[in-house]
């Protein structure tokens, strides 16, 4: 009979622990909704995927198609005619009046 009483006391402690745990979970659920958790998980997955893409680029693991596209874009950029400003053709003065030499 002593064992039954001890076992019942243990059961009561377990049930009290479950009760406290359920109350905590209920409070947490009021603070954070499933939609909020899904949004956070989605943002985290997006950030991980973005970082993976950056890591691949930095590691130089470009496919041949990627390299071809990059080279094609580089060629297009270097073939463009850039309009540069006019450069003065007059020679620079040897000394500027009022300035001391360094």
PDB file of N, CA and C in Angstrom:
ATOM      1  N   UNK A   1       0.819  -1.186   0.000  1.00  0.00           N
ATOM      2  CA  UNK A   1       0.000   0.000   0.000  1.00  0.00           C
ATOM      3  C   UNK A   1       0.877   1.268   0.000  1.00  0.00           C
ATOM      4  N   UNK A   2       2.038   1.213   0.632  1.00  0.00           N
ATOM      5  CA  UNK A   2       2.965   2.336   0.629  1.00  0.00           C
ATOM      6  C   UNK A   2       3.417   2.635  -0.799  1.00  0.00           C
ATOM      7  N   UNK A   3       3.660   1.579  -1.568  1.00  0.00           N
ATOM      8  CA  UNK A   3       4.068   1.769  -2.964  1.00  0.00           C
ATOM      9  C   UNK A   3       2.955   2.439  -3.760  1.00  0.00           C
ATOM     10  N   UNK A   4       1.729   2.088  -3.528  1.00  0.00           N
ATOM     11  CA  UNK A   4       0.599   2.712  -4.220  1.00  0.00           C
ATOM     12  C   UNK A   4       0.523   4.202  -3.904  1.00  0.00           C
ATOM     13  N   UNK A   5       0.751   4.544  -2.637  1.00  0.00           N
ATOM     14  CA  UNK A   5       0.714   5.953  -2.235  1.00  0.00           C
ATOM     15  C   UNK A   5       1.857   6.718  -2.898  1.00  0.00           C
ATOM     16  N   UNK A   6       3.064   6.137  -2.902  1.00  0.00           N
ATOM     17  CA  UNK A   6       4.213   6.789  -3.538  1.00  0.00           C
ATOM     18  C   UNK A   6       3.973   6.952  -5.039  1.00  0.00           C
ATOM     19  N   UNK A   7       3.428   5.912  -5.678  1.00  0.00           N
ATOM     20  CA  UNK A   7       3.161   5.983  -7.117  1.00  0.00           C
ATOM     21  C   UNK A   7       2.110   7.052  -7.407  1.00  0.00           C
ATOM     22  N   UNK A   8       1.095   7.157  -6.559  1.00  0.00           N
ATOM     23  CA  UNK A   8       0.053   8.173  -6.740  1.00  0.00           C
ATOM     24  C   UNK A   8       0.636   9.577  -6.584  1.00  0.00           C
ATOM     25  N   UNK A   9       1.555   9.754  -5.651  1.00  0.00           N
ATOM     26  CA  UNK A   9       2.210  11.052  -5.477  1.00  0.00           C
ATOM     27  C   UNK A   9       3.016  11.414  -6.728  1.00  0.00           C
ATOM     28  N   UNK A  10       3.712  10.422  -7.280  1.00  0.00           N
ATOM     29  CA  UNK A  10       4.491  10.665  -8.513  1.00  0.00           C
ATOM     30  C   UNK A  10       3.549  11.019  -9.649  1.00  0.00           C
ATOM     31  N   UNK A  11       2.449  10.295  -9.763  1.00  0.00           N
ATOM     32  CA  UNK A  11       1.465  10.591 -10.808  1.00  0.00           C
ATOM     33  C   UNK A  11       0.935  12.007 -10.669  1.00  0.00           C
ATOM     34  N   UNK A  12       0.662  12.440  -9.416  1.00  0.00           N
ATOM     35  CA  UNK A  12       0.149  13.795  -9.190  1.00  0.00           C
ATOM     36  C   UNK A  12       1.175  14.848  -9.611  1.00  0.00           C
ATOM     37  N   UNK A  13       2.472  14.588  -9.350  1.00  0.00           N
ATOM     38  CA  UNK A  13       3.521  15.519  -9.766  1.00  0.00           C
ATOM     39  C   UNK A  13       3.597  15.591 -11.292  1.00  0.00           C
ATOM     40  N   UNK A  14       3.477  14.421 -11.931  1.00  0.00           N
ATOM     41  CA  UNK A  14       3.510  14.391 -13.400  1.00  0.00           C
ATOM     42  C   UNK A  14       2.330  15.159 -13.962  1.00  0.00           C
ATOM     43  N   UNK A  15       1.146  14.947 -13.403  1.00  0.00           N
ATOM     44  CA  UNK A  15      -0.051  15.635 -13.888  1.00  0.00           C
ATOM     45  C   UNK A  15       0.069  17.136 -13.655  1.00  0.00           C
ATOM     46  N   UNK A  16       0.602  17.533 -12.517  1.00  0.00           N
ATOM     47  CA  UNK A  16       0.808  18.962 -12.247  1.00  0.00           C
ATOM     48  C   UNK A  16       1.809  19.559 -13.246  1.00  0.00           C
ATOM     49  N   UNK A  17       2.860  18.805 -13.557  1.00  0.00           N
ATOM     50  CA  UNK A  17       3.835  19.260 -14.553  1.00  0.00           C
ATOM     51  C   UNK A  17       3.202  19.406 -15.927  1.00  0.00           C
ATOM     52  N   UNK A  18       2.350  18.447 -16.299  1.00  0.00           N
ATOM     53  CA  UNK A  18       1.640  18.547 -17.579  1.00  0.00           C
ATOM     54  C   UNK A  18       0.715  19.762 -17.605  1.00  0.00           C
ATOM     55  N   UNK A  19       0.066  20.016 -16.489  1.00  0.00           N
ATOM     56  CA  UNK A  19      -0.843  21.166 -16.402  1.00  0.00           C
ATOM     57  C   UNK A  19      -0.077  22.468 -16.601  1.00  0.00           C
ATOM     58  N   UNK A  20       1.048  22.602 -15.910  1.00  0.00           N
ATOM     59  CA  UNK A  20       1.869  23.815 -16.048  1.00  0.00           C
ATOM     60  C   UNK A  20       2.389  23.923 -17.481  1.00  0.00           C
ATOM     61  N   UNK A  21       2.832  22.801 -18.042  1.00  0.00           N
ATOM     62  CA  UNK A  21       3.331  22.810 -19.420  1.00  0.00           C
ATOM     63  C   UNK A  21       2.263  23.222 -20.408  1.00  0.00           C
ATOM     64  N   UNK A  22       1.046  22.720 -20.236  1.00  0.00           N
ATOM     65  CA  UNK A  22      -0.054  23.097 -21.135  1.00  0.00           C
ATOM     66  C   UNK A  22      -0.391  24.571 -21.017  1.00  0.00           C
ATOM     67  N   UNK A  23      -0.357  25.109 -19.793  1.00  0.00           N
ATOM     68  CA  UNK A  23      -0.615  26.534 -19.609  1.00  0.00           C
ATOM     69  C   UNK A  23       0.449  27.374 -20.320  1.00  0.00           C
ATOM     70  N   UNK A  24       1.709  26.946 -20.209  1.00  0.00           N
ATOM     71  CA  UNK A  24       2.797  27.664 -20.898  1.00  0.00           C
ATOM     72  C   UNK A  24       2.613  27.615 -22.405  1.00  0.00           C
ATOM     73  N   UNK A  25       2.281  26.438 -22.920  1.00  0.00           N
ATOM     74  CA  UNK A  25       2.063  26.312 -24.366  1.00  0.00           C
ATOM     75  C   UNK A  25       0.905  27.197 -24.825  1.00  0.00           C
ATOM     76  N   UNK A  26      -0.169  27.214 -24.034  1.00  0.00           N
ATOM     77  CA  UNK A  26      -1.316  28.038 -24.387  1.00  0.00           C
ATOM     78  C   UNK A  26      -0.919  29.513 -24.458  1.00  0.00           C
ATOM     79  N   UNK A  27      -0.132  29.978 -23.486  1.00  0.00           N
ATOM     80  CA  UNK A  27       0.328  31.373 -23.492  1.00  0.00           C
ATOM     81  C   UNK A  27       1.226  31.643 -24.704  1.00  0.00           C
ATOM     82  N   UNK A  28       2.092  30.693 -25.028  1.00  0.00           N
ATOM     83  CA  UNK A  28       2.974  30.861 -26.187  1.00  0.00           C
ATOM     84  C   UNK A  28       2.165  30.913 -27.475  1.00  0.00           C
ATOM     85  N   UNK A  29       1.117  30.108 -27.565  1.00  0.00           N
ATOM     86  CA  UNK A  29       0.287  30.097 -28.771  1.00  0.00           C
ATOM     87  C   UNK A  29      -0.462  31.419 -28.931  1.00  0.00           C
ATOM     88  N   UNK A  30      -0.792  32.048 -27.813  1.00  0.00           N
ATOM     89  CA  UNK A  30      -1.450  33.350 -27.899  1.00  0.00           C
ATOM     90  C   UNK A  30      -0.491  34.410 -28.432  1.00  0.00           C
ATOM     91  N   UNK A  31       0.784  34.269 -28.100  1.00  0.00           N
ATOM     92  CA  UNK A  31       1.785  35.249 -28.527  1.00  0.00           C
ATOM     93  C   UNK A  31       2.182  35.031 -29.984  1.00  0.00           C
ATOM     94  N   UNK A  32       2.315  33.772 -30.393  1.00  0.00           N
ATOM     95  CA  UNK A  32       2.805  33.477 -31.735  1.00  0.00           C
ATOM     96  C   UNK A  32       1.840  32.535 -32.453  1.00  0.00           C
ATOM     97  N   UNK A  33       1.365  32.976 -33.608  1.00  0.00           N
ATOM     98  CA  UNK A  33       0.423  32.175 -34.380  1.00  0.00           C
ATOM     99  C   UNK A  33       1.169  31.247 -35.340  1.00  0.00           C
ATOM    100  N   UNK A  34       0.447  30.299 -35.886  1.00  0.00           N
ATOM    101  CA  UNK A  34       1.030  29.367 -36.863  1.00  0.00           C
ATOM    102  C   UNK A  34       1.501  30.145 -38.092  1.00  0.00           C
ATOM    103  N   UNK A  35       0.723  31.140 -38.488  1.00  0.00           N
ATOM    104  CA  UNK A  35       1.103  31.943 -39.655  1.00  0.00           C
ATOM    105  C   UNK A  35       2.434  32.655 -39.424  1.00  0.00           C
ATOM    106  N   UNK A  36       2.613  33.151 -38.190  1.00  0.00           N
ATOM    107  CA  UNK A  36       3.861  33.835 -37.858  1.00  0.00           C
ATOM    108  C   UNK A  36       5.042  32.874 -37.925  1.00  0.00           C
ATOM    109  N   UNK A  37       4.858  31.673 -37.401  1.00  0.00           N
ATOM    110  CA  UNK A  37       5.918  30.659 -37.436  1.00  0.00           C
ATOM    111  C   UNK A  37       6.225  30.277 -38.877  1.00  0.00           C
ATOM    112  N   UNK A  38       5.188  30.079 -39.703  1.00  0.00           N
ATOM    113  CA  UNK A  38       5.400  29.740 -41.117  1.00  0.00           C
ATOM    114  C   UNK A  38       6.150  30.855 -41.838  1.00  0.00           C
ATOM    115  N   UNK A  39       5.798  32.107 -41.512  1.00  0.00           N
ATOM    116  CA  UNK A  39       6.481  33.244 -42.148  1.00  0.00           C
ATOM    117  C   UNK A  39       7.957  33.258 -41.771  1.00  0.00           C
ATOM    118  N   UNK A  40       8.253  33.036 -40.495  1.00  0.00           N
ATOM    119  CA  UNK A  40       9.645  33.036 -40.032  1.00  0.00           C
ATOM    120  C   UNK A  40      10.426  31.905 -40.683  1.00  0.00           C
ATOM    121  N   UNK A  41       9.811  30.722 -40.754  1.00  0.00           N
ATOM    122  CA  UNK A  41      10.484  29.577 -41.380  1.00  0.00           C
ATOM    123  C   UNK A  41      10.728  29.852 -42.864  1.00  0.00           C
ATOM    124  N   UNK A  42       9.744  30.437 -43.541  1.00  0.00           N
ATOM    125  CA  UNK A  42       9.905  30.770 -44.953  1.00  0.00           C
ATOM    126  C   UNK A  42      11.020  31.768 -45.185  1.00  0.00           C
ATOM    127  N   UNK A  43      11.081  32.809 -44.357  1.00  0.00           N
ATOM    128  CA  UNK A  43      12.143  33.806 -44.485  1.00  0.00           C
ATOM    129  C   UNK A  43      13.511  33.184 -44.225  1.00  0.00           C
ATOM    130  N   UNK A  44      13.563  32.280 -43.256  1.00  0.00           N
ATOM    131  CA  UNK A  44      14.827  31.617 -42.948  1.00  0.00           C
ATOM    132  C   UNK A  44      15.272  30.747 -44.122  1.00  0.00           C
ATOM    133  N   UNK A  45      14.342  30.009 -44.710  1.00  0.00           N
ATOM    134  CA  UNK A  45      14.684  29.169 -45.859  1.00  0.00           C
ATOM    135  C   UNK A  45      15.142  30.014 -47.037  1.00  0.00           C
ATOM    136  N   UNK A  46      14.478  31.149 -47.263  1.00  0.00           N
ATOM    137  CA  UNK A  46      14.896  32.043 -48.344  1.00  0.00           C
ATOM    138  C   UNK A  46      16.310  32.563 -48.100  1.00  0.00           C
ATOM    139  N   UNK A  47      16.596  32.942 -46.857  1.00  0.00           N
ATOM    140  CA  UNK A  47      17.921  33.463 -46.527  1.00  0.00           C
ATOM    141  C   UNK A  47      18.990  32.388 -46.694  1.00  0.00           C
ATOM    142  N   UNK A  48      18.674  31.161 -46.310  1.00  0.00           N
ATOM    143  CA  UNK A  48      19.627  30.059 -46.466  1.00  0.00           C
ATOM    144  C   UNK A  48      19.883  29.796 -47.945  1.00  0.00           C
ATOM    145  N   UNK A  49      18.852  29.794 -48.760  1.00  0.00           N
ATOM    146  CA  UNK A  49      19.010  29.571 -50.200  1.00  0.00           C
ATOM    147  C   UNK A  49      19.831  30.692 -50.835  1.00  0.00           C
ATOM    148  N   UNK A  50      19.566  31.931 -50.448  1.00  0.00           N
ATOM    149  CA  UNK A  50      20.310  33.067 -50.971  1.00  0.00           C
ATOM    150  C   UNK A  50      21.792  32.951 -50.604  1.00  0.00           C
ATOM    151  N   UNK A  51      22.062  32.582 -49.349  1.00  0.00           N
ATOM    152  CA  UNK A  51      23.446  32.427 -48.914  1.00  0.00           C
ATOM    153  C   UNK A  51      24.124  31.285 -49.664  1.00  0.00           C
ATOM    154  N   UNK A  52      23.377  30.202 -49.941  1.00  0.00           N
ATOM    155  CA  UNK A  52      23.941  29.082 -50.697  1.00  0.00           C
ATOM    156  C   UNK A  52      24.341  29.539 -52.098  1.00  0.00           C
ATOM    157  N   UNK A  53      23.507  30.371 -52.726  1.00  0.00           N
ATOM    158  CA  UNK A  53      23.830  30.884 -54.056  1.00  0.00           C
ATOM    159  C   UNK A  53      25.083  31.753 -54.002  1.00  0.00           C
ATOM    160  N   UNK A  54      25.192  32.582 -52.980  1.00  0.00           N
ATOM    161  CA  UNK A  54      26.386  33.419 -52.826  1.00  0.00           C
ATOM    162  C   UNK A  54      27.611  32.545 -52.641  1.00  0.00           C
ATOM    163  N   UNK A  55      27.495  31.521 -51.788  1.00  0.00           N
ATOM    164  CA  UNK A  55      28.620  30.615 -51.547  1.00  0.00           C
ATOM    165  C   UNK A  55      29.065  29.937 -52.833  1.00  0.00           C
ATOM    166  N   UNK A  56      28.107  29.508 -53.658  1.00  0.00           N
ATOM    167  CA  UNK A  56      28.446  28.864 -54.926  1.00  0.00           C
ATOM    168  C   UNK A  56      29.178  29.824 -55.853  1.00  0.00           C
ATOM    169  N   UNK A  57      28.699  31.064 -55.899  1.00  0.00           N
ATOM    170  CA  UNK A  57      29.358  32.049 -56.760  1.00  0.00           C
ATOM    171  C   UNK A  57      30.779  32.323 -56.287  1.00  0.00           C
ATOM    172  N   UNK A  58      30.935  32.471 -54.974  1.00  0.00           N
ATOM    173  CA  UNK A  58      32.262  32.745 -54.439  1.00  0.00           C
ATOM    174  C   UNK A  58      33.197  31.552 -54.602  1.00  0.00           C
ATOM    175  N   UNK A  59      32.653  30.361 -54.578  1.00  0.00           N
ATOM    176  CA  UNK A  59      33.469  29.158 -54.721  1.00  0.00           C
ATOM    177  C   UNK A  59      33.821  28.901 -56.182  1.00  0.00           C
ATOM    178  N   UNK A  60      33.222  29.657 -57.080  1.00  0.00           N
ATOM    179  CA  UNK A  60      33.530  29.491 -58.498  1.00  0.00           C
ATOM    180  C   UNK A  60      32.859  28.289 -59.121  1.00  0.00           C
ATOM    181  N   UNK A  61      31.766  27.877 -58.559  1.00  0.00           N
ATOM    182  CA  UNK A  61      31.087  26.697 -59.085  1.00  0.00           C
ATOM    183  C   UNK A  61      30.018  27.091 -60.098  1.00  0.00           C
ATOM    184  N   UNK A  62      30.409  27.891 -61.068  1.00  0.00           N
ATOM    185  CA  UNK A  62      29.493  28.297 -62.116  1.00  0.00           C
ATOM    186  C   UNK A  62      29.392  27.201 -63.164  1.00  0.00           C
ATOM    187  N   UNK A  63      28.210  27.032 -63.682  1.00  0.00           N
ATOM    188  CA  UNK A  63      28.048  26.077 -64.774  1.00  0.00           C
ATOM    189  C   UNK A  63      28.587  26.709 -66.048  1.00  0.00           C
ATOM    190  N   UNK A  64      28.736  25.898 -67.076  1.00  0.00           N
ATOM    191  CA  UNK A  64      29.239  26.416 -68.350  1.00  0.00           C
ATOM    192  C   UNK A  64      28.262  27.433 -68.926  1.00  0.00           C
ATOM    193  N   UNK A  65      26.965  27.197 -68.723  1.00  0.00           N
ATOM    194  CA  UNK A  65      25.958  28.148 -69.201  1.00  0.00           C
ATOM    195  C   UNK A  65      26.092  29.480 -68.476  1.00  0.00           C
ATOM    196  N   UNK A  66      26.345  29.425 -67.155  1.00  0.00           N
ATOM    197  CA  UNK A  66      26.538  30.655 -66.393  1.00  0.00           C
ATOM    198  C   UNK A  66      27.749  31.418 -66.905  1.00  0.00           C
ATOM    199  N   UNK A  67      28.844  30.710 -67.126  1.00  0.00           N
ATOM    200  CA  UNK A  67      30.059  31.364 -67.614  1.00  0.00           C
ATOM    201  C   UNK A  67      29.830  31.984 -68.981  1.00  0.00           C
ATOM    202  N   UNK A  68      29.120  31.266 -69.858  1.00  0.00           N
ATOM    203  CA  UNK A  68      28.832  31.800 -71.186  1.00  0.00           C
ATOM    204  C   UNK A  68      27.989  33.070 -71.079  1.00  0.00           C
ATOM    205  N   UNK A  69      26.985  33.057 -70.213  1.00  0.00           N
ATOM    206  CA  UNK A  69      26.127  34.232 -70.043  1.00  0.00           C
ATOM    207  C   UNK A  69      26.929  35.404 -69.485  1.00  0.00           C
ATOM    208  N   UNK A  70      27.816  35.131 -68.554  1.00  0.00           N
ATOM    209  CA  UNK A  70      28.635  36.200 -67.962  1.00  0.00           C
ATOM    210  C   UNK A  70      29.588  36.773 -69.001  1.00  0.00           C
ATOM    211  N   UNK A  71      30.232  35.904 -69.771  1.00  0.00           N
ATOM    212  CA  UNK A  71      31.143  36.379 -70.815  1.00  0.00           C
ATOM    213  C   UNK A  71      30.399  37.177 -71.876  1.00  0.00           C
ATOM    214  N   UNK A  72      29.207  36.740 -72.240  1.00  0.00           N
ATOM    215  CA  UNK A  72      28.405  37.459 -73.226  1.00  0.00           C
ATOM    216  C   UNK A  72      28.046  38.853 -72.697  1.00  0.00           C
ATOM    217  N   UNK A  73      27.676  38.921 -71.433  1.00  0.00           N
ATOM    218  CA  UNK A  73      27.352  40.218 -70.844  1.00  0.00           C
ATOM    219  C   UNK A  73      28.587  41.108 -70.773  1.00  0.00           C
ATOM    220  N   UNK A  74      29.750  40.533 -70.431  1.00  0.00           N
ATOM    221  CA  UNK A  74      30.985  41.298 -70.386  1.00  0.00           C
ATOM    222  C   UNK A  74      31.336  41.835 -71.764  1.00  0.00           C
ATOM    223  N   UNK A  75      31.200  41.010 -72.795  1.00  0.00           N
ATOM    224  CA  UNK A  75      31.476  41.463 -74.163  1.00  0.00           C
ATOM    225  C   UNK A  75      30.539  42.594 -74.561  1.00  0.00           C
ATOM    226  N   UNK A  76      29.269  42.486 -74.195  1.00  0.00           N
ATOM    227  CA  UNK A  76      28.315  43.542 -74.539  1.00  0.00           C
ATOM    228  C   UNK A  76      28.694  44.840 -73.847  1.00  0.00           C
ATOM    229  N   UNK A  77      29.130  44.746 -72.609  1.00  0.00           N
ATOM    230  CA  UNK A  77      29.513  45.955 -71.869  1.00  0.00           C
ATOM    231  C   UNK A  77      30.765  46.582 -72.470  1.00  0.00           C
ATOM    232  N   UNK A  78      31.764  45.757 -72.796  1.00  0.00           N
ATOM    233  CA  UNK A  78      33.019  46.303 -73.327  1.00  0.00           C
ATOM    234  C   UNK A  78      32.878  46.795 -74.754  1.00  0.00           C
ATOM    235  N   UNK A  79      31.881  46.349 -75.492  1.00  0.00           N
ATOM    236  CA  UNK A  79      31.687  46.791 -76.871  1.00  0.00           C
ATOM    237  C   UNK A  79      30.908  48.098 -76.963  1.00  0.00           C
ATOM    238  N   UNK A  80      30.263  48.481 -75.875  1.00  0.00           N
ATOM    239  CA  UNK A  80      29.492  49.716 -75.897  1.00  0.00           C
ATOM    240  C   UNK A  80      30.428  50.902 -76.098  1.00  0.00           C
ATOM    241  N   UNK A  81      29.959  51.881 -76.868  1.00  0.00           N
ATOM    242  CA  UNK A  81      30.723  53.100 -77.071  1.00  0.00           C
ATOM    243  C   UNK A  81      30.382  54.056 -75.943  1.00  0.00           C
ATOM    244  N   UNK A  82      31.370  54.348 -75.147  1.00  0.00           N
ATOM    245  CA  UNK A  82      31.152  55.258 -74.035  1.00  0.00           C
ATOM    246  C   UNK A  82      31.434  56.677 -74.479  1.00  0.00           C
ATOM    247  N   UNK A  83      30.602  57.594 -74.050  1.00  0.00           N
ATOM    248  CA  UNK A  83      30.837  58.998 -74.338  1.00  0.00           C
ATOM    249  C   UNK A  83      31.667  59.577 -73.223  1.00  0.00           C
ATOM    250  N   UNK A  84      32.891  59.907 -73.541  1.00  0.00           N
ATOM    251  CA  UNK A  84      33.800  60.470 -72.549  1.00  0.00           C
ATOM    252  C   UNK A  84      33.819  61.986 -72.698  1.00  0.00           C
ATOM    253  N   UNK A  85      34.092  62.709 -71.622  1.00  0.00           N
ATOM    254  CA  UNK A  85      34.149  64.169 -71.711  1.00  0.00           C
ATOM    255  C   UNK A  85      35.362  64.607 -72.529  1.00  0.00           C
ATOM    256  N   UNK A  86      35.268  65.810 -73.053  1.00  0.00           N
ATOM    257  CA  UNK A  86      36.367  66.378 -73.823  1.00  0.00           C
ATOM    258  C   UNK A  86      37.541  66.669 -72.895  1.00  0.00           C
ATOM    259  N   UNK A  87      38.725  66.364 -73.365  1.00  0.00           N
ATOM    260  CA  UNK A  87      39.926  66.614 -72.583  1.00  0.00           C
ATOM    261  C   UNK A  87      40.558  67.902 -73.116  1.00  0.00           C
ATOM    262  N   UNK A  88      40.941  68.820 -72.216  1.00  0.00           N
ATOM    263  CA  UNK A  88      41.570  70.061 -72.689  1.00  0.00           C
ATOM    264  C   UNK A  88      42.880  69.752 -73.413  1.00  0.00           C
ATOM    265  N   UNK A  89      43.141  70.525 -74.456  1.00  0.00           N
ATOM    266  CA  UNK A  89      44.365  70.285 -75.231  1.00  0.00           C
ATOM    267  C   UNK A  89      45.462  71.284 -74.873  1.00  0.00           C
ATOM    268  N   UNK A  90      45.135  72.305 -74.070  1.00  0.00           N
ATOM    269  CA  UNK A  90      46.148  73.282 -73.701  1.00  0.00           C
ATOM    270  C   UNK A  90      47.096  72.683 -72.663  1.00  0.00           C
ATOM    271  N   UNK A  91      48.381  73.042 -72.732  1.00  0.00           N
ATOM    272  CA  UNK A  91      49.321  72.519 -71.734  1.00  0.00           C
ATOM    273  C   UNK A  91      49.056  73.139 -70.362  1.00  0.00           C
ATOM    274  N   UNK A  92      49.388  72.413 -69.345  1.00  0.00           N
ATOM    275  CA  UNK A  92      49.217  72.910 -67.984  1.00  0.00           C
ATOM    276  C   UNK A  92      50.295  73.946 -67.687  1.00  0.00           C
ATOM    277  N   UNK A  93      49.971  74.972 -66.910  1.00  0.00           N
ATOM    278  CA  UNK A  93      50.994  75.970 -66.581  1.00  0.00           C
ATOM    279  C   UNK A  93      52.056  75.362 -65.669  1.00  0.00           C
ATOM    280  N   UNK A  94      53.267  75.861 -65.791  1.00  0.00           N
ATOM    281  CA  UNK A  94      54.376  75.363 -64.978  1.00  0.00           C
ATOM    282  C   UNK A  94      54.154  75.742 -63.520  1.00  0.00           C
ATOM    283  N   UNK A  95      53.802  76.985 -63.267  1.00  0.00           N
ATOM    284  CA  UNK A  95      53.557  77.456 -61.913  1.00  0.00           C
ATOM    285  C   UNK A  95      52.241  78.216 -61.896  1.00  0.00           C
ATOM    286  N   UNK A  96      51.532  78.002 -60.823  1.00  0.00           N
ATOM    287  CA  UNK A  96      50.281  78.731 -60.651  1.00  0.00           C
ATOM    288  C   UNK A  96      50.607  79.949 -59.806  1.00  0.00           C
ATOM    289  N   UNK A  97      50.263  81.141 -60.282  1.00  0.00           N
ATOM    290  CA  UNK A  97      50.571  82.358 -59.515  1.00  0.00           C
ATOM    291  C   UNK A  97      49.936  82.304 -58.133  1.00  0.00           C
ATOM    292  N   UNK A  98      50.691  82.675 -57.106  1.00  0.00           N
ATOM    293  CA  UNK A  98      50.207  82.727 -55.759  1.00  0.00           C
ATOM    294  C   UNK A  98      50.325  81.403 -55.012  1.00  0.00           C
ATOM    295  N   UNK A  99      50.806  80.374 -55.658  1.00  0.00           N
ATOM    296  CA  UNK A  99      50.955  79.063 -55.008  1.00  0.00           C
ATOM    297  C   UNK A  99      52.437  78.813 -54.800  1.00  0.00           C
ATOM    298  N   UNK A 100      52.790  78.329 -53.617  1.00  0.00           N
ATOM    299  CA  UNK A 100      54.188  77.998 -53.385  1.00  0.00           C
ATOM    300  C   UNK A 100      54.393  76.535 -53.742  1.00  0.00           C
ATOM    301  N   UNK A 101      55.601  76.216 -54.176  1.00  0.00           N
ATOM    302  CA  UNK A 101      55.885  74.818 -54.558  1.00  0.00           C
ATOM    303  C   UNK A 101      56.071  73.990 -53.300  1.00  0.00           C
ATOM    304  N   UNK A 102      55.733  72.732 -53.388  1.00  0.00           N
ATOM    305  CA  UNK A 102      55.846  71.827 -52.236  1.00  0.00           C
ATOM    306  C   UNK A 102      57.199  71.233 -52.149  1.00  0.00           C
TER     307      UNK A 102
END
